[in-house]
Amino acid sequence: MILLVGLGNPGSRYAGNRHNIGFMALDRIASRQGFGPWRSRFQGLTAEGSLDGVKTLLLKPNTFMNLSGQSVAEAARFFKIGLSDMVVLHDELDLAPAKLRIKTGGGNAGHNGLRSITAHLGNDYKRVRLGIGHPGDKAMVSPYVLNDFAKAEEGWLETLLDAIADNAALLAKGEDAKFQNTIHLALEAKGFANPKRPGKRDTE
């Protein structure tokens, strides 16, 4: 079994926030890949299913971002899932909007959800970094990530989420490079290779 974790904050107040793009990605995977209903457990919401024959557990922690590791650790220990079979999808300020990168381990770049998971389980898990861009000023980061995506961003966001969901089996099978390339090709095909950036510091 693999564990796909989406990071975000629970509740309707936060549902459309940039910080919740990890939750959005898991919701799209669940709906497009026919996963079972969401259930409350492990201090979060889980859904079970299969991605091209790979048994998969989706987890959205309900602990709020700063305590995400509590929920992830509880689920991982219950199912005896090691770090090599865990993938965390999260918002990434240091990537331009619609950019996606995959890495294992490394720094947490100030992301409180990642920091919490690392504190509970260690650092050597895979991360799918979903670019949301940077507001350009460190003082603006908190209101920026806790605000909803702008209407002008809906095109690339919906394309990105659909592409992630439709190609999630590649991620489940560890075909990271193919997954990443396929997502970017899907965005390019819709004209979202370089969408308008809301900030000044976005990098690839």
Protein backbone atom coordinates (compact mmCIF):
# COMPACT_ATOMS: atom_id res chain seq x y z
CA MET A 1 0.00 0.00 0.00
CA ILE A 2 1.10 3.55 -0.67
CA LEU A 3 -0.02 6.61 1.26
CA LEU A 4 -0.85 9.80 -0.64
CA VAL A 5 -1.14 12.76 1.72
CA GLY A 6 -2.63 16.10 0.69
CA LEU A 7 -1.89 19.08 2.90
CA GLY A 8 -4.38 21.81 3.76
CA ASN A 9 -6.58 23.21 6.49
CA PRO A 10 -9.99 21.65 7.28
CA GLY A 11 -13.32 23.42 6.93
CA SER A 12 -15.21 25.36 4.30
CA ARG A 13 -13.52 28.61 5.29
CA TYR A 14 -10.21 27.35 3.89
CA ALA A 15 -11.45 25.12 1.06
CA GLY A 16 -10.45 27.42 -1.80
CA ASN A 17 -7.19 28.70 -0.28
CA ARG A 18 -3.88 28.38 -2.13
CA HIS A 19 -2.58 26.59 0.98
CA ASN A 20 -5.18 23.86 0.32
CA ILE A 21 -4.05 22.77 -3.14
CA GLY A 22 -2.91 19.44 -1.64
CA PHE A 23 -6.46 18.74 -0.42
CA MET A 24 -7.80 19.75 -3.85
CA ALA A 25 -5.47 17.31 -5.61
CA LEU A 26 -6.58 14.39 -3.42
CA ASP A 27 -10.25 15.26 -3.90
CA ARG A 28 -9.74 15.18 -7.65
CA ILE A 29 -7.89 11.85 -7.52
CA ALA A 30 -10.66 10.32 -5.40
CA SER A 31 -13.43 11.47 -7.73
CA ARG A 32 -11.75 10.65 -11.05
CA GLN A 33 -10.23 7.33 -9.97
CA GLY A 34 -13.34 5.92 -8.27
CA PHE A 35 -12.05 5.76 -4.70
CA GLY A 36 -14.34 4.78 -1.86
CA PRO A 37 -16.12 7.38 0.28
CA TRP A 38 -14.14 9.62 2.61
CA ARG A 39 -14.06 8.33 6.20
CA SER A 40 -13.08 10.11 9.42
CA ARG A 41 -10.09 8.43 11.05
CA PHE A 42 -6.44 9.03 11.97
CA GLN A 43 -7.35 12.63 12.88
CA GLY A 44 -8.20 13.17 9.23
CA LEU A 45 -10.24 11.99 6.26
CA THR A 46 -9.24 8.91 4.30
CA ALA A 47 -10.36 7.24 1.09
CA GLU A 48 -9.16 3.88 -0.22
CA GLY A 49 -8.79 2.66 -3.77
CA SER A 50 -6.39 1.36 -6.39
CA LEU A 51 -4.20 3.13 -8.93
CA ASP A 52 -3.39 0.73 -11.75
CA GLY A 53 -3.30 -2.17 -9.32
CA VAL A 54 -1.43 -0.32 -6.56
CA LYS A 55 -3.47 -0.26 -3.34
CA THR A 56 -3.63 3.38 -2.25
CA LEU A 57 -4.76 5.28 0.82
CA LEU A 58 -5.56 8.97 0.46
CA LEU A 59 -5.26 11.09 3.61
CA LYS A 60 -6.29 14.68 4.30
CA PRO A 61 -5.21 15.60 7.86
CA ASN A 62 -7.89 17.45 9.83
CA THR A 63 -5.42 18.74 12.43
CA PHE A 64 -4.72 22.07 10.70
CA MET A 65 -1.49 22.50 8.79
CA ASN A 66 0.93 22.97 11.69
CA LEU A 67 0.00 19.59 13.21
CA SER A 68 -0.31 17.53 10.00
CA GLY A 69 2.36 15.09 11.19
CA GLN A 70 0.11 13.76 13.96
CA SER A 71 -2.43 12.48 11.46
CA VAL A 72 0.11 11.22 8.92
CA ALA A 73 2.11 9.35 11.57
CA GLU A 74 -1.02 7.67 12.95
CA ALA A 75 -2.07 6.40 9.52
CA ALA A 76 1.45 5.33 8.52
CA ARG A 77 1.96 3.34 11.70
CA PHE A 78 -1.45 1.68 11.55
CA PHE A 79 -0.81 0.38 8.03
CA LYS A 80 2.95 -0.07 8.55
CA ILE A 81 3.72 2.23 5.64
CA GLY A 82 7.35 3.30 5.40
CA LEU A 83 8.63 6.64 4.17
CA SER A 84 9.52 5.14 0.79
CA ASP A 85 5.79 4.46 0.20
CA MET A 86 4.57 7.89 1.26
CA VAL A 87 3.96 10.87 -1.04
CA VAL A 88 2.96 14.32 0.20
CA LEU A 89 1.28 16.82 -2.15
CA HIS A 90 1.61 20.43 -1.02
CA ASP A 91 1.65 24.07 -2.08
CA GLU A 92 5.05 25.50 -3.02
CA LEU A 93 5.73 29.24 -2.87
CA ASP A 94 9.11 28.90 -4.58
CA LEU A 95 7.67 27.46 -7.78
CA ALA A 96 5.78 29.51 -10.33
CA PRO A 97 2.04 28.86 -10.68
CA ALA A 98 1.24 25.61 -12.56
CA LYS A 99 4.78 24.28 -12.12
CA LEU A 100 5.17 20.85 -10.51
CA ARG A 101 8.32 19.27 -9.16
CA ILE A 102 8.98 16.03 -7.29
CA LYS A 103 11.72 15.50 -4.76
CA THR A 104 12.55 13.16 -1.90
CA GLY A 105 13.82 14.59 1.36
CA GLY A 106 15.61 17.90 1.46
CA GLY A 107 14.57 21.09 3.20
CA ASN A 108 11.02 22.01 4.12
CA ALA A 109 11.34 25.64 2.91
CA GLY A 110 9.42 26.96 5.90
CA HIS A 111 6.34 24.84 5.14
CA ASN A 112 4.75 24.05 8.50
CA GLY A 113 2.92 20.96 7.24
CA LEU A 114 6.13 19.39 5.98
CA ARG A 115 7.97 20.41 9.13
CA SER A 116 5.37 18.64 11.26
CA ILE A 117 5.51 15.43 9.20
CA THR A 118 9.31 15.42 9.34
CA ALA A 119 9.23 15.88 13.12
CA HIS A 120 6.99 12.82 13.53
CA LEU A 121 8.33 10.44 10.89
CA GLY A 122 11.63 11.65 9.47
CA ASN A 123 12.47 13.56 6.33
CA ASP A 124 12.99 10.98 3.57
CA TYR A 125 9.52 10.96 2.03
CA LYS A 126 8.55 12.04 -1.48
CA ARG A 127 7.01 15.47 -2.02
CA VAL A 128 4.98 16.65 -5.00
CA ARG A 129 5.57 20.40 -4.96
CA LEU A 130 2.64 22.28 -6.51
CA GLY A 131 3.66 25.78 -7.52
CA ILE A 132 1.44 28.66 -6.41
CA GLY A 133 3.95 31.48 -6.89
CA HIS A 134 5.20 33.99 -4.32
CA PRO A 135 3.51 37.31 -3.48
CA GLY A 136 6.89 39.04 -3.71
CA ASP A 137 7.11 40.16 -0.09
CA LYS A 138 7.75 37.87 2.89
CA ALA A 139 5.27 39.87 4.96
CA MET A 140 2.52 39.00 2.48
CA VAL A 141 3.05 35.24 2.51
CA SER A 142 0.49 34.36 5.20
CA PRO A 143 -2.44 36.32 3.73
CA TYR A 144 -1.45 35.15 0.26
CA VAL A 145 -1.55 31.41 1.02
CA LEU A 146 -4.67 31.79 3.17
CA ASN A 147 -6.59 33.55 0.40
CA ASP A 148 -8.49 31.76 -2.34
CA PHE A 149 -7.06 31.28 -5.79
CA ALA A 150 -7.96 34.22 -8.00
CA LYS A 151 -10.53 33.74 -10.75
CA ALA A 152 -7.79 34.31 -13.32
CA GLU A 153 -5.96 31.27 -11.93
CA GLU A 154 -8.85 28.83 -12.35
CA GLY A 155 -7.81 27.70 -15.83
CA TRP A 156 -4.37 26.43 -14.96
CA LEU A 157 -5.51 25.17 -11.55
CA GLU A 158 -8.30 22.99 -12.97
CA THR A 159 -6.01 21.69 -15.73
CA LEU A 160 -3.31 20.86 -13.20
CA LEU A 161 -5.69 19.05 -10.83
CA ASP A 162 -7.26 17.02 -13.64
CA ALA A 163 -3.84 16.04 -15.00
CA ILE A 164 -2.64 14.96 -11.56
CA ALA A 165 -5.76 12.85 -11.03
CA ASP A 166 -5.71 11.26 -14.48
CA ASN A 167 -2.03 10.31 -14.18
CA ALA A 168 -1.87 9.43 -10.48
CA ALA A 169 -1.05 5.81 -11.33
CA LEU A 170 2.36 6.95 -12.60
CA LEU A 171 3.02 8.50 -9.22
CA ALA A 172 1.84 5.36 -7.43
CA LYS A 173 4.22 3.22 -9.49
CA GLY A 174 7.18 5.49 -8.87
CA GLU A 175 7.41 6.76 -12.44
CA ASP A 176 8.16 10.26 -11.20
CA ALA A 177 9.83 11.71 -14.28
CA LYS A 178 7.07 10.47 -16.57
CA PHE A 179 4.42 11.80 -14.19
CA GLN A 180 6.06 15.22 -14.02
CA ASN A 181 6.53 15.45 -17.78
CA THR A 182 2.98 14.31 -18.52
CA ILE A 183 1.55 16.99 -16.22
CA HIS A 184 3.59 19.70 -17.89
CA LEU A 185 2.59 18.54 -21.36
CA ALA A 186 -1.07 18.66 -20.34
CA LEU A 187 -0.63 22.25 -19.14
CA GLU A 188 1.24 23.25 -22.30
CA ALA A 189 -1.50 21.75 -24.46
CA LYS A 190 -4.03 24.07 -22.79
CA GLY A 191 -1.74 27.10 -23.04
CA PHE A 192 -0.83 27.19 -19.36
CA ALA A 193 2.91 26.55 -19.59
CA ASN A 194 3.61 30.04 -18.20
CA PRO A 195 0.45 31.49 -16.66
CA LYS A 196 0.40 35.03 -15.32
CA ARG A 197 2.26 35.14 -12.05
CA PRO A 198 0.70 36.85 -9.03
CA GLY A 199 4.10 37.64 -7.47
CA LYS A 200 7.57 38.81 -8.39
CA ARG A 201 9.76 36.06 -7.00
CA ASP A 202 8.41 32.95 -8.72
CA THR A 203 11.15 30.58 -9.80
CA GLU A 204 11.35 27.20 -11.41
